[in-house]
Amino acid sequence: MIRDLSKMYPPARHPVPHQPGQPFKFTVTESCDRIKEEFQFLQAQYHSLKLECEKLASEKTEMQRHYVMYYEMSYGLNIEMHKQLFTEDSCRLPLNEALILMHMKKCHRT
């Protein structure tokens, strides 16, 4: 494999200045250099996008973890409130029954 293309394709002896209306003519080495630069630019861009994607994925995982934690807390709080409400109602029930019975006894006396 030839590593240095300039040995295989020597540059033009007299580069012709670009004339308006004529297409650019690049040598093979210029084209290879340009392709190499574009490839390196794309590699750098790919690397930065990959890092950003990994960062977003870790943030997503963290957000999901927080969501589950808040959901569990909310569910637990809801259960505790229902327990407390049931306990308060069950404590009030005998008191309400006693008040109703007292009122009924007063009504029957008169």
PDB file of N, CA and C in Angstrom:
ATOM      1  N   MET A   1       0.843  -1.177   0.000  1.00  0.00           N
ATOM      2  CA  MET A   1       0.000   0.000   0.000  1.00  0.00           C
ATOM      3  C   MET A   1       0.889   1.241   0.000  1.00  0.00           C
ATOM      4  N   ILE A   2       0.523   2.176  -0.821  1.00  0.00           N
ATOM      5  CA  ILE A   2       1.301   3.412  -0.921  1.00  0.00           C
ATOM      6  C   ILE A   2       0.803   4.374   0.144  1.00  0.00           C
ATOM      7  N   ARG A   3       1.718   4.814   0.995  1.00  0.00           N
ATOM      8  CA  ARG A   3       1.329   5.696   2.085  1.00  0.00           C
ATOM      9  C   ARG A   3       1.384   7.161   1.681  1.00  0.00           C
ATOM     10  N   ASP A   4       2.290   7.513   0.831  1.00  0.00           N
ATOM     11  CA  ASP A   4       2.428   8.907   0.421  1.00  0.00           C
ATOM     12  C   ASP A   4       1.991   9.025  -1.034  1.00  0.00           C
ATOM     13  N   LEU A   5       0.821   9.578  -1.230  1.00  0.00           N
ATOM     14  CA  LEU A   5       0.283   9.686  -2.582  1.00  0.00           C
ATOM     15  C   LEU A   5       1.024  10.707  -3.428  1.00  0.00           C
ATOM     16  N   SER A   6       1.767  11.598  -2.795  1.00  0.00           N
ATOM     17  CA  SER A   6       2.492  12.617  -3.575  1.00  0.00           C
ATOM     18  C   SER A   6       3.596  11.972  -4.416  1.00  0.00           C
ATOM     19  N   LYS A   7       4.092  10.801  -3.989  1.00  0.00           N
ATOM     20  CA  LYS A   7       5.105  10.108  -4.790  1.00  0.00           C
ATOM     21  C   LYS A   7       4.468   9.474  -6.023  1.00  0.00           C
ATOM     22  N   MET A   8       3.221   9.012  -5.838  1.00  0.00           N
ATOM     23  CA  MET A   8       2.560   8.370  -6.957  1.00  0.00           C
ATOM     24  C   MET A   8       1.974   9.391  -7.929  1.00  0.00           C
ATOM     25  N   TYR A   9       1.401  10.451  -7.386  1.00  0.00           N
ATOM     26  CA  TYR A   9       0.806  11.512  -8.206  1.00  0.00           C
ATOM     27  C   TYR A   9       1.468  12.843  -7.856  1.00  0.00           C
ATOM     28  N   PRO A  10       2.515  13.211  -8.531  1.00  0.00           N
ATOM     29  CA  PRO A  10       3.178  14.483  -8.199  1.00  0.00           C
ATOM     30  C   PRO A  10       2.245  15.651  -8.520  1.00  0.00           C
ATOM     31  N   PRO A  11       2.390  16.757  -7.759  1.00  0.00           N
ATOM     32  CA  PRO A  11       1.523  17.905  -8.013  1.00  0.00           C
ATOM     33  C   PRO A  11       1.791  18.503  -9.394  1.00  0.00           C
ATOM     34  N   ALA A  12       0.789  19.230  -9.896  1.00  0.00           N
ATOM     35  CA  ALA A  12       0.931  19.854 -11.213  1.00  0.00           C
ATOM     36  C   ALA A  12       2.089  20.844 -11.186  1.00  0.00           C
ATOM     37  N   ARG A  13       2.795  20.960 -12.314  1.00  0.00           N
ATOM     38  CA  ARG A  13       3.966  21.848 -12.355  1.00  0.00           C
ATOM     39  C   ARG A  13       3.573  23.310 -12.276  1.00  0.00           C
ATOM     40  N   HIS A  14       2.573  23.661 -12.982  1.00  0.00           N
ATOM     41  CA  HIS A  14       2.138  25.067 -12.990  1.00  0.00           C
ATOM     42  C   HIS A  14       0.651  25.118 -12.684  1.00  0.00           C
ATOM     43  N   PRO A  15       0.306  25.367 -11.402  1.00  0.00           N
ATOM     44  CA  PRO A  15      -1.116  25.423 -11.089  1.00  0.00           C
ATOM     45  C   PRO A  15      -1.781  26.574 -11.842  1.00  0.00           C
ATOM     46  N   VAL A  16      -2.917  26.248 -12.422  1.00  0.00           N
ATOM     47  CA  VAL A  16      -3.648  27.238 -13.221  1.00  0.00           C
ATOM     48  C   VAL A  16      -4.587  27.996 -12.292  1.00  0.00           C
ATOM     49  N   PRO A  17      -4.571  29.343 -12.330  1.00  0.00           N
ATOM     50  CA  PRO A  17      -5.503  30.097 -11.480  1.00  0.00           C
ATOM     51  C   PRO A  17      -6.945  29.822 -11.921  1.00  0.00           C
ATOM     52  N   HIS A  18      -7.831  29.886 -10.946  1.00  0.00           N
ATOM     53  CA  HIS A  18      -9.242  29.591 -11.218  1.00  0.00           C
ATOM     54  C   HIS A  18      -9.865  30.693 -12.064  1.00  0.00           C
ATOM     55  N   GLN A  19     -10.479  30.277 -13.130  1.00  0.00           N
ATOM     56  CA  GLN A  19     -11.172  31.213 -14.020  1.00  0.00           C
ATOM     57  C   GLN A  19     -12.668  31.156 -13.719  1.00  0.00           C
ATOM     58  N   PRO A  20     -13.346  32.305 -13.674  1.00  0.00           N
ATOM     59  CA  PRO A  20     -14.794  32.268 -13.436  1.00  0.00           C
ATOM     60  C   PRO A  20     -15.490  31.442 -14.512  1.00  0.00           C
ATOM     61  N   GLY A  21     -16.446  30.612 -14.087  1.00  0.00           N
ATOM     62  CA  GLY A  21     -17.181  29.775 -15.017  1.00  0.00           C
ATOM     63  C   GLY A  21     -16.557  28.416 -15.224  1.00  0.00           C
ATOM     64  N   GLN A  22     -15.327  28.206 -14.757  1.00  0.00           N
ATOM     65  CA  GLN A  22     -14.685  26.899 -14.880  1.00  0.00           C
ATOM     66  C   GLN A  22     -14.723  26.192 -13.528  1.00  0.00           C
ATOM     67  N   PRO A  23     -14.933  24.879 -13.512  1.00  0.00           N
ATOM     68  CA  PRO A  23     -14.946  24.156 -12.235  1.00  0.00           C
ATOM     69  C   PRO A  23     -13.541  24.086 -11.642  1.00  0.00           C
ATOM     70  N   PHE A  24     -13.511  23.935 -10.296  1.00  0.00           N
ATOM     71  CA  PHE A  24     -12.216  23.776  -9.627  1.00  0.00           C
ATOM     72  C   PHE A  24     -11.621  22.444 -10.018  1.00  0.00           C
ATOM     73  N   LYS A  25     -10.316  22.416 -10.146  1.00  0.00           N
ATOM     74  CA  LYS A  25      -9.617  21.159 -10.407  1.00  0.00           C
ATOM     75  C   LYS A  25      -8.653  20.929  -9.243  1.00  0.00           C
ATOM     76  N   PHE A  26      -8.907  19.864  -8.510  1.00  0.00           N
ATOM     77  CA  PHE A  26      -8.066  19.544  -7.366  1.00  0.00           C
ATOM     78  C   PHE A  26      -7.174  18.366  -7.720  1.00  0.00           C
ATOM     79  N   THR A  27      -5.992  18.369  -7.125  1.00  0.00           N
ATOM     80  CA  THR A  27      -5.113  17.214  -7.288  1.00  0.00           C
ATOM     81  C   THR A  27      -5.592  16.118  -6.345  1.00  0.00           C
ATOM     82  N   VAL A  28      -5.086  14.932  -6.539  1.00  0.00           N
ATOM     83  CA  VAL A  28      -5.493  13.795  -5.707  1.00  0.00           C
ATOM     84  C   VAL A  28      -5.094  14.042  -4.256  1.00  0.00           C
ATOM     85  N   THR A  29      -3.894  14.566  -4.037  1.00  0.00           N
ATOM     86  CA  THR A  29      -3.440  14.804  -2.655  1.00  0.00           C
ATOM     87  C   THR A  29      -4.301  15.859  -1.985  1.00  0.00           C
ATOM     88  N   GLU A  30      -4.673  16.914  -2.729  1.00  0.00           N
ATOM     89  CA  GLU A  30      -5.549  17.935  -2.159  1.00  0.00           C
ATOM     90  C   GLU A  30      -6.900  17.327  -1.797  1.00  0.00           C
ATOM     91  N   SER A  31      -7.420  16.498  -2.697  1.00  0.00           N
ATOM     92  CA  SER A  31      -8.714  15.846  -2.438  1.00  0.00           C
ATOM     93  C   SER A  31      -8.621  14.929  -1.228  1.00  0.00           C
ATOM     94  N   CYS A  32      -7.543  14.161  -1.141  1.00  0.00           N
ATOM     95  CA  CYS A  32      -7.365  13.263   0.004  1.00  0.00           C
ATOM     96  C   CYS A  32      -7.233  14.052   1.307  1.00  0.00           C
ATOM     97  N   ASP A  33      -6.479  15.140   1.265  1.00  0.00           N
ATOM     98  CA  ASP A  33      -6.335  15.977   2.457  1.00  0.00           C
ATOM     99  C   ASP A  33      -7.684  16.562   2.872  1.00  0.00           C
ATOM    100  N   ARG A  34      -8.428  17.010   1.897  1.00  0.00           N
ATOM    101  CA  ARG A  34      -9.744  17.593   2.191  1.00  0.00           C
ATOM    102  C   ARG A  34     -10.685  16.532   2.778  1.00  0.00           C
ATOM    103  N   ILE A  35     -10.668  15.339   2.211  1.00  0.00           N
ATOM    104  CA  ILE A  35     -11.493  14.246   2.732  1.00  0.00           C
ATOM    105  C   ILE A  35     -11.061  13.893   4.150  1.00  0.00           C
ATOM    106  N   LYS A  36      -9.743  13.881   4.373  1.00  0.00           N
ATOM    107  CA  LYS A  36      -9.220  13.564   5.703  1.00  0.00           C
ATOM    108  C   LYS A  36      -9.674  14.613   6.726  1.00  0.00           C
ATOM    109  N   GLU A  37      -9.605  15.890   6.368  1.00  0.00           N
ATOM    110  CA  GLU A  37     -10.050  16.962   7.261  1.00  0.00           C
ATOM    111  C   GLU A  37     -11.544  16.848   7.557  1.00  0.00           C
ATOM    112  N   GLU A  38     -12.336  16.578   6.520  1.00  0.00           N
ATOM    113  CA  GLU A  38     -13.778  16.434   6.729  1.00  0.00           C
ATOM    114  C   GLU A  38     -14.084  15.230   7.604  1.00  0.00           C
ATOM    115  N   PHE A  39     -13.349  14.141   7.387  1.00  0.00           N
ATOM    116  CA  PHE A  39     -13.546  12.949   8.203  1.00  0.00           C
ATOM    117  C   PHE A  39     -13.212  13.235   9.665  1.00  0.00           C
ATOM    118  N   GLN A  40     -12.095  13.941   9.904  1.00  0.00           N
ATOM    119  CA  GLN A  40     -11.723  14.280  11.276  1.00  0.00           C
ATOM    120  C   GLN A  40     -12.758  15.196  11.916  1.00  0.00           C
ATOM    121  N   PHE A  41     -13.289  16.141  11.130  1.00  0.00           N
ATOM    122  CA  PHE A  41     -14.338  17.017  11.642  1.00  0.00           C
ATOM    123  C   PHE A  41     -15.580  16.207  12.007  1.00  0.00           C
ATOM    124  N   LEU A  42     -15.974  15.287  11.132  1.00  0.00           N
ATOM    125  CA  LEU A  42     -17.147  14.452  11.406  1.00  0.00           C
ATOM    126  C   LEU A  42     -16.920  13.546  12.609  1.00  0.00           C
ATOM    127  N   GLN A  43     -15.684  13.039  12.751  1.00  0.00           N
ATOM    128  CA  GLN A  43     -15.372  12.217  13.921  1.00  0.00           C
ATOM    129  C   GLN A  43     -15.502  13.026  15.207  1.00  0.00           C
ATOM    130  N   ALA A  44     -14.992  14.255  15.192  1.00  0.00           N
ATOM    131  CA  ALA A  44     -15.096  15.117  16.381  1.00  0.00           C
ATOM    132  C   ALA A  44     -16.552  15.431  16.681  1.00  0.00           C
ATOM    133  N   GLN A  45     -17.318  15.715  15.646  1.00  0.00           N
ATOM    134  CA  GLN A  45     -18.735  16.008  15.828  1.00  0.00           C
ATOM    135  C   GLN A  45     -19.465  14.774  16.370  1.00  0.00           C
ATOM    136  N   TYR A  46     -19.155  13.599  15.830  1.00  0.00           N
ATOM    137  CA  TYR A  46     -19.755  12.355  16.313  1.00  0.00           C
ATOM    138  C   TYR A  46     -19.419  12.139  17.786  1.00  0.00           C
ATOM    139  N   HIS A  47     -18.162  12.381  18.140  1.00  0.00           N
ATOM    140  CA  HIS A  47     -17.736  12.182  19.525  1.00  0.00           C
ATOM    141  C   HIS A  47     -18.501  13.115  20.464  1.00  0.00           C
ATOM    142  N   SER A  48     -18.630  14.389  20.097  1.00  0.00           N
ATOM    143  CA  SER A  48     -19.337  15.331  20.967  1.00  0.00           C
ATOM    144  C   SER A  48     -20.823  14.969  21.063  1.00  0.00           C
ATOM    145  N   LEU A  49     -21.422  14.536  19.957  1.00  0.00           N
ATOM    146  CA  LEU A  49     -22.832  14.129  19.993  1.00  0.00           C
ATOM    147  C   LEU A  49     -23.018  12.861  20.822  1.00  0.00           C
ATOM    148  N   LYS A  50     -22.051  11.965  20.753  1.00  0.00           N
ATOM    149  CA  LYS A  50     -22.123  10.735  21.544  1.00  0.00           C
ATOM    150  C   LYS A  50     -22.053  11.066  23.028  1.00  0.00           C
ATOM    151  N   LEU A  51     -21.162  11.976  23.403  1.00  0.00           N
ATOM    152  CA  LEU A  51     -21.066  12.387  24.806  1.00  0.00           C
ATOM    153  C   LEU A  51     -22.354  13.043  25.275  1.00  0.00           C
ATOM    154  N   GLU A  52     -22.931  13.895  24.427  1.00  0.00           N
ATOM    155  CA  GLU A  52     -24.187  14.558  24.779  1.00  0.00           C
ATOM    156  C   GLU A  52     -25.314  13.534  24.935  1.00  0.00           C
ATOM    157  N   CYS A  53     -25.338  12.547  24.057  1.00  0.00           N
ATOM    158  CA  CYS A  53     -26.348  11.493  24.130  1.00  0.00           C
ATOM    159  C   CYS A  53     -26.208  10.685  25.418  1.00  0.00           C
ATOM    160  N   GLU A  54     -24.981  10.359  25.787  1.00  0.00           N
ATOM    161  CA  GLU A  54     -24.738   9.625  27.031  1.00  0.00           C
ATOM    162  C   GLU A  54     -25.162  10.453  28.238  1.00  0.00           C
ATOM    163  N   LYS A  55     -24.877  11.761  28.193  1.00  0.00           N
ATOM    164  CA  LYS A  55     -25.277  12.647  29.278  1.00  0.00           C
ATOM    165  C   LYS A  55     -26.797  12.685  29.402  1.00  0.00           C
ATOM    166  N   LEU A  56     -27.494  12.803  28.263  1.00  0.00           N
ATOM    167  CA  LEU A  56     -28.957  12.834  28.281  1.00  0.00           C
ATOM    168  C   LEU A  56     -29.528  11.502  28.771  1.00  0.00           C
ATOM    169  N   ALA A  57     -28.897  10.406  28.402  1.00  0.00           N
ATOM    170  CA  ALA A  57     -29.367   9.094  28.857  1.00  0.00           C
ATOM    171  C   ALA A  57     -29.224   8.971  30.371  1.00  0.00           C
ATOM    172  N   SER A  58     -28.120   9.471  30.917  1.00  0.00           N
ATOM    173  CA  SER A  58     -27.947   9.393  32.371  1.00  0.00           C
ATOM    174  C   SER A  58     -28.931  10.323  33.082  1.00  0.00           C
ATOM    175  N   GLU A  59     -29.201  11.499  32.490  1.00  0.00           N
ATOM    176  CA  GLU A  59     -30.202  12.400  33.071  1.00  0.00           C
ATOM    177  C   GLU A  59     -31.585  11.764  33.026  1.00  0.00           C
ATOM    178  N   LYS A  60     -31.888  11.072  31.938  1.00  0.00           N
ATOM    179  CA  LYS A  60     -33.179  10.388  31.812  1.00  0.00           C
ATOM    180  C   LYS A  60     -33.317   9.330  32.895  1.00  0.00           C
ATOM    181  N   THR A  61     -32.265   8.554  33.105  1.00  0.00           N
ATOM    182  CA  THR A  61     -32.291   7.525  34.139  1.00  0.00           C
ATOM    183  C   THR A  61     -32.500   8.148  35.508  1.00  0.00           C
ATOM    184  N   GLU A  62     -31.826   9.262  35.754  1.00  0.00           N
ATOM    185  CA  GLU A  62     -31.964   9.948  37.041  1.00  0.00           C
ATOM    186  C   GLU A  62     -33.384  10.478  37.223  1.00  0.00           C
ATOM    187  N   MET A  63     -33.962  11.046  36.159  1.00  0.00           N
ATOM    188  CA  MET A  63     -35.332  11.552  36.232  1.00  0.00           C
ATOM    189  C   MET A  63     -36.322  10.412  36.488  1.00  0.00           C
ATOM    190  N   GLN A  64     -36.098   9.268  35.844  1.00  0.00           N
ATOM    191  CA  GLN A  64     -36.981   8.125  36.066  1.00  0.00           C
ATOM    192  C   GLN A  64     -36.871   7.639  37.510  1.00  0.00           C
ATOM    193  N   ARG A  65     -35.666   7.658  38.042  1.00  0.00           N
ATOM    194  CA  ARG A  65     -35.468   7.240  39.430  1.00  0.00           C
ATOM    195  C   ARG A  65     -36.203   8.173  40.384  1.00  0.00           C
ATOM    196  N   HIS A  66     -36.109   9.489  40.116  1.00  0.00           N
ATOM    197  CA  HIS A  66     -36.830  10.466  40.948  1.00  0.00           C
ATOM    198  C   HIS A  66     -38.338  10.281  40.816  1.00  0.00           C
ATOM    199  N   TYR A  67     -38.804  10.009  39.600  1.00  0.00           N
ATOM    200  CA  TYR A  67     -40.233   9.813  39.388  1.00  0.00           C
ATOM    201  C   TYR A  67     -40.733   8.634  40.219  1.00  0.00           C
ATOM    202  N   VAL A  68     -39.999   7.518  40.176  1.00  0.00           N
ATOM    203  CA  VAL A  68     -40.400   6.336  40.942  1.00  0.00           C
ATOM    204  C   VAL A  68     -40.395   6.650  42.432  1.00  0.00           C
ATOM    205  N   MET A  69     -39.364   7.377  42.881  1.00  0.00           N
ATOM    206  CA  MET A  69     -39.273   7.719  44.298  1.00  0.00           C
ATOM    207  C   MET A  69     -40.467   8.582  44.724  1.00  0.00           C
ATOM    208  N   TYR A  70     -40.808   9.611  43.934  1.00  0.00           N
ATOM    209  CA  TYR A  70     -41.947  10.473  44.273  1.00  0.00           C
ATOM    210  C   TYR A  70     -43.260   9.716  44.180  1.00  0.00           C
ATOM    211  N   TYR A  71     -43.372   8.814  43.208  1.00  0.00           N
ATOM    212  CA  TYR A  71     -44.586   8.020  43.088  1.00  0.00           C
ATOM    213  C   TYR A  71     -44.771   7.147  44.328  1.00  0.00           C
ATOM    214  N   GLU A  72     -43.691   6.504  44.756  1.00  0.00           N
ATOM    215  CA  GLU A  72     -43.770   5.656  45.947  1.00  0.00           C
ATOM    216  C   GLU A  72     -44.116   6.481  47.183  1.00  0.00           C
ATOM    217  N   MET A  73     -43.525   7.668  47.309  1.00  0.00           N
ATOM    218  CA  MET A  73     -43.842   8.528  48.447  1.00  0.00           C
ATOM    219  C   MET A  73     -45.309   8.950  48.412  1.00  0.00           C
ATOM    220  N   SER A  74     -45.782   9.333  47.232  1.00  0.00           N
ATOM    221  CA  SER A  74     -47.178   9.757  47.091  1.00  0.00           C
ATOM    222  C   SER A  74     -48.125   8.608  47.413  1.00  0.00           C
ATOM    223  N   TYR A  75     -47.820   7.429  46.922  1.00  0.00           N
ATOM    224  CA  TYR A  75     -48.658   6.265  47.187  1.00  0.00           C
ATOM    225  C   TYR A  75     -48.683   5.963  48.685  1.00  0.00           C
ATOM    226  N   GLY A  76     -47.502   5.994  49.308  1.00  0.00           N
ATOM    227  CA  GLY A  76     -47.416   5.746  50.744  1.00  0.00           C
ATOM    228  C   GLY A  76     -48.187   6.772  51.549  1.00  0.00           C
ATOM    229  N   LEU A  77     -48.094   8.029  51.160  1.00  0.00           N
ATOM    230  CA  LEU A  77     -48.822   9.096  51.848  1.00  0.00           C
ATOM    231  C   LEU A  77     -50.326   8.904  51.693  1.00  0.00           C
ATOM    232  N   ASN A  78     -50.749   8.521  50.497  1.00  0.00           N
ATOM    233  CA  ASN A  78     -52.166   8.277  50.248  1.00  0.00           C
ATOM    234  C   ASN A  78     -52.683   7.136  51.137  1.00  0.00           C
ATOM    235  N   ILE A  79     -51.913   6.064  51.248  1.00  0.00           N
ATOM    236  CA  ILE A  79     -52.297   4.930  52.105  1.00  0.00           C
ATOM    237  C   ILE A  79     -52.402   5.373  53.563  1.00  0.00           C
ATOM    238  N   GLU A  80     -51.413   6.135  54.017  1.00  0.00           N
ATOM    239  CA  GLU A  80     -51.420   6.602  55.409  1.00  0.00           C
ATOM    240  C   GLU A  80     -52.627   7.509  55.679  1.00  0.00           C
ATOM    241  N   MET A  81     -52.967   8.349  54.725  1.00  0.00           N
ATOM    242  CA  MET A  81     -54.124   9.238  54.926  1.00  0.00           C
ATOM    243  C   MET A  81     -55.409   8.426  54.992  1.00  0.00           C
ATOM    244  N   HIS A  82     -55.516   7.395  54.166  1.00  0.00           N
ATOM    245  CA  HIS A  82     -56.705   6.553  54.229  1.00  0.00           C
ATOM    246  C   HIS A  82     -56.775   5.794  55.553  1.00  0.00           C
ATOM    247  N   LYS A  83     -55.623   5.322  56.028  1.00  0.00           N
ATOM    248  CA  LYS A  83     -55.590   4.632  57.325  1.00  0.00           C
ATOM    249  C   LYS A  83     -56.042   5.579  58.432  1.00  0.00           C
ATOM    250  N   GLN A  84     -55.504   6.802  58.400  1.00  0.00           N
ATOM    251  CA  GLN A  84     -55.835   7.779  59.437  1.00  0.00           C
ATOM    252  C   GLN A  84     -57.319   8.132  59.374  1.00  0.00           C
ATOM    253  N   LEU A  85     -57.836   8.308  58.178  1.00  0.00           N
ATOM    254  CA  LEU A  85     -59.250   8.641  58.020  1.00  0.00           C
ATOM    255  C   LEU A  85     -60.115   7.498  58.529  1.00  0.00           C
ATOM    256  N   PHE A  86     -59.763   6.276  58.206  1.00  0.00           N
ATOM    257  CA  PHE A  86     -60.525   5.121  58.676  1.00  0.00           C
ATOM    258  C   PHE A  86     -60.456   5.019  60.193  1.00  0.00           C
ATOM    259  N   THR A  87     -59.265   5.255  60.769  1.00  0.00           N
ATOM    260  CA  THR A  87     -59.094   5.176  62.221  1.00  0.00           C
ATOM    261  C   THR A  87     -59.924   6.254  62.907  1.00  0.00           C
ATOM    262  N   GLU A  88     -59.908   7.481  62.365  1.00  0.00           N
ATOM    263  CA  GLU A  88     -60.693   8.565  62.953  1.00  0.00           C
ATOM    264  C   GLU A  88     -62.189   8.255  62.862  1.00  0.00           C
ATOM    265  N   ASP A  89     -62.624   7.728  61.716  1.00  0.00           N
ATOM    266  CA  ASP A  89     -64.037   7.391  61.554  1.00  0.00           C
ATOM    267  C   ASP A  89     -64.440   6.278  62.510  1.00  0.00           C
ATOM    268  N   SER A  90     -63.577   5.276  62.669  1.00  0.00           N
ATOM    269  CA  SER A  90     -63.914   4.166  63.559  1.00  0.00           C
ATOM    270  C   SER A  90     -63.913   4.623  65.019  1.00  0.00           C
ATOM    271  N   CYS A  91     -63.114   5.636  65.362  1.00  0.00           N
ATOM    272  CA  CYS A  91     -63.125   6.177  66.724  1.00  0.00           C
ATOM    273  C   CYS A  91     -64.361   7.040  66.946  1.00  0.00           C
ATOM    274  N   ARG A  92     -64.781   7.749  65.927  1.00  0.00           N
ATOM    275  CA  ARG A  92     -65.948   8.629  66.066  1.00  0.00           C
ATOM    276  C   ARG A  92     -67.254   7.851  66.087  1.00  0.00           C
ATOM    277  N   LEU A  93     -67.286   6.703  65.448  1.00  0.00           N
ATOM    278  CA  LEU A  93     -68.519   5.949  65.329  1.00  0.00           C
ATOM    279  C   LEU A  93     -69.131   5.597  66.694  1.00  0.00           C
ATOM    280  N   PRO A  94     -68.359   5.026  67.618  1.00  0.00           N
ATOM    281  CA  PRO A  94     -68.969   4.742  68.932  1.00  0.00           C
ATOM    282  C   PRO A  94     -69.434   6.009  69.649  1.00  0.00           C
ATOM    283  N   LEU A  95     -68.682   7.092  69.483  1.00  0.00           N
ATOM    284  CA  LEU A  95     -69.091   8.354  70.105  1.00  0.00           C
ATOM    285  C   LEU A  95     -70.398   8.843  69.503  1.00  0.00           C
ATOM    286  N   ASN A  96     -70.525   8.766  68.199  1.00  0.00           N
ATOM    287  CA  ASN A  96     -71.762   9.182  67.544  1.00  0.00           C
ATOM    288  C   ASN A  96     -72.924   8.274  67.957  1.00  0.00           C
ATOM    289  N   GLU A  97     -72.657   6.982  68.070  1.00  0.00           N
ATOM    290  CA  GLU A  97     -73.710   6.064  68.514  1.00  0.00           C
ATOM    291  C   GLU A  97     -74.171   6.416  69.915  1.00  0.00           C
ATOM    292  N   ALA A  98     -73.233   6.723  70.785  1.00  0.00           N
ATOM    293  CA  ALA A  98     -73.577   7.075  72.166  1.00  0.00           C
ATOM    294  C   ALA A  98     -74.399   8.362  72.197  1.00  0.00           C
ATOM    295  N   LEU A  99     -74.025   9.345  71.385  1.00  0.00           N
ATOM    296  CA  LEU A  99     -74.795  10.595  71.349  1.00  0.00           C
ATOM    297  C   LEU A  99     -76.210  10.354  70.831  1.00  0.00           C
ATOM    298  N   ILE A 100     -76.325   9.521  69.814  1.00  0.00           N
ATOM    299  CA  ILE A 100     -77.653   9.230  69.265  1.00  0.00           C
ATOM    300  C   ILE A 100     -78.504   8.494  70.299  1.00  0.00           C
ATOM    301  N   LEU A 101     -77.896   7.519  70.992  1.00  0.00           N
ATOM    302  CA  LEU A 101     -78.643   6.783  72.020  1.00  0.00           C
ATOM    303  C   LEU A 101     -79.091   7.713  73.148  1.00  0.00           C
ATOM    304  N   MET A 102     -78.202   8.628  73.568  1.00  0.00           N
ATOM    305  CA  MET A 102     -78.581   9.584  74.630  1.00  0.00           C
ATOM    306  C   MET A 102     -79.742  10.439  74.177  1.00  0.00           C
ATOM    307  N   HIS A 103     -79.688  10.901  72.927  1.00  0.00           N
ATOM    308  CA  HIS A 103     -80.755  11.746  72.395  1.00  0.00           C
ATOM    309  C   HIS A 103     -82.073  10.962  72.302  1.00  0.00           C
ATOM    310  N   MET A 104     -81.965   9.676  71.910  1.00  0.00           N
ATOM    311  CA  MET A 104     -83.174   8.845  71.810  1.00  0.00           C
ATOM    312  C   MET A 104     -83.779   8.618  73.180  1.00  0.00           C
ATOM    313  N   LYS A 105     -82.926   8.407  74.188  1.00  0.00           N
ATOM    314  CA  LYS A 105     -83.431   8.183  75.562  1.00  0.00           C
ATOM    315  C   LYS A 105     -84.148   9.440  76.067  1.00  0.00           C
ATOM    316  N   LYS A 106     -83.605  10.608  75.757  1.00  0.00           N
ATOM    317  CA  LYS A 106     -84.246  11.853  76.172  1.00  0.00           C
ATOM    318  C   LYS A 106     -85.604  12.000  75.482  1.00  0.00           C
ATOM    319  N   CYS A 107     -85.666  11.637  74.233  1.00  0.00           N
ATOM    320  CA  CYS A 107     -86.913  11.755  73.478  1.00  0.00           C
ATOM    321  C   CYS A 107     -87.961  10.782  74.028  1.00  0.00           C
ATOM    322  N   HIS A 108     -87.546   9.611  74.441  1.00  0.00           N
ATOM    323  CA  HIS A 108     -88.486   8.621  74.944  1.00  0.00           C
ATOM    324  C   HIS A 108     -88.995   8.971  76.320  1.00  0.00           C
ATOM    325  N   ARG A 109     -88.206   9.690  77.099  1.00  0.00           N
ATOM    326  CA  ARG A 109     -88.596  10.083  78.457  1.00  0.00           C
ATOM    327  C   ARG A 109     -89.730  11.100  78.420  1.00  0.00           C
ATOM    328  N   THR A 110     -89.687  11.953  77.434  1.00  0.00           N
ATOM    329  CA  THR A 110     -90.689  13.007  77.401  1.00  0.00           C
ATOM    330  C   THR A 110     -91.985  12.617  76.760  1.00  0.00           C
TER     331      THR A 110
END
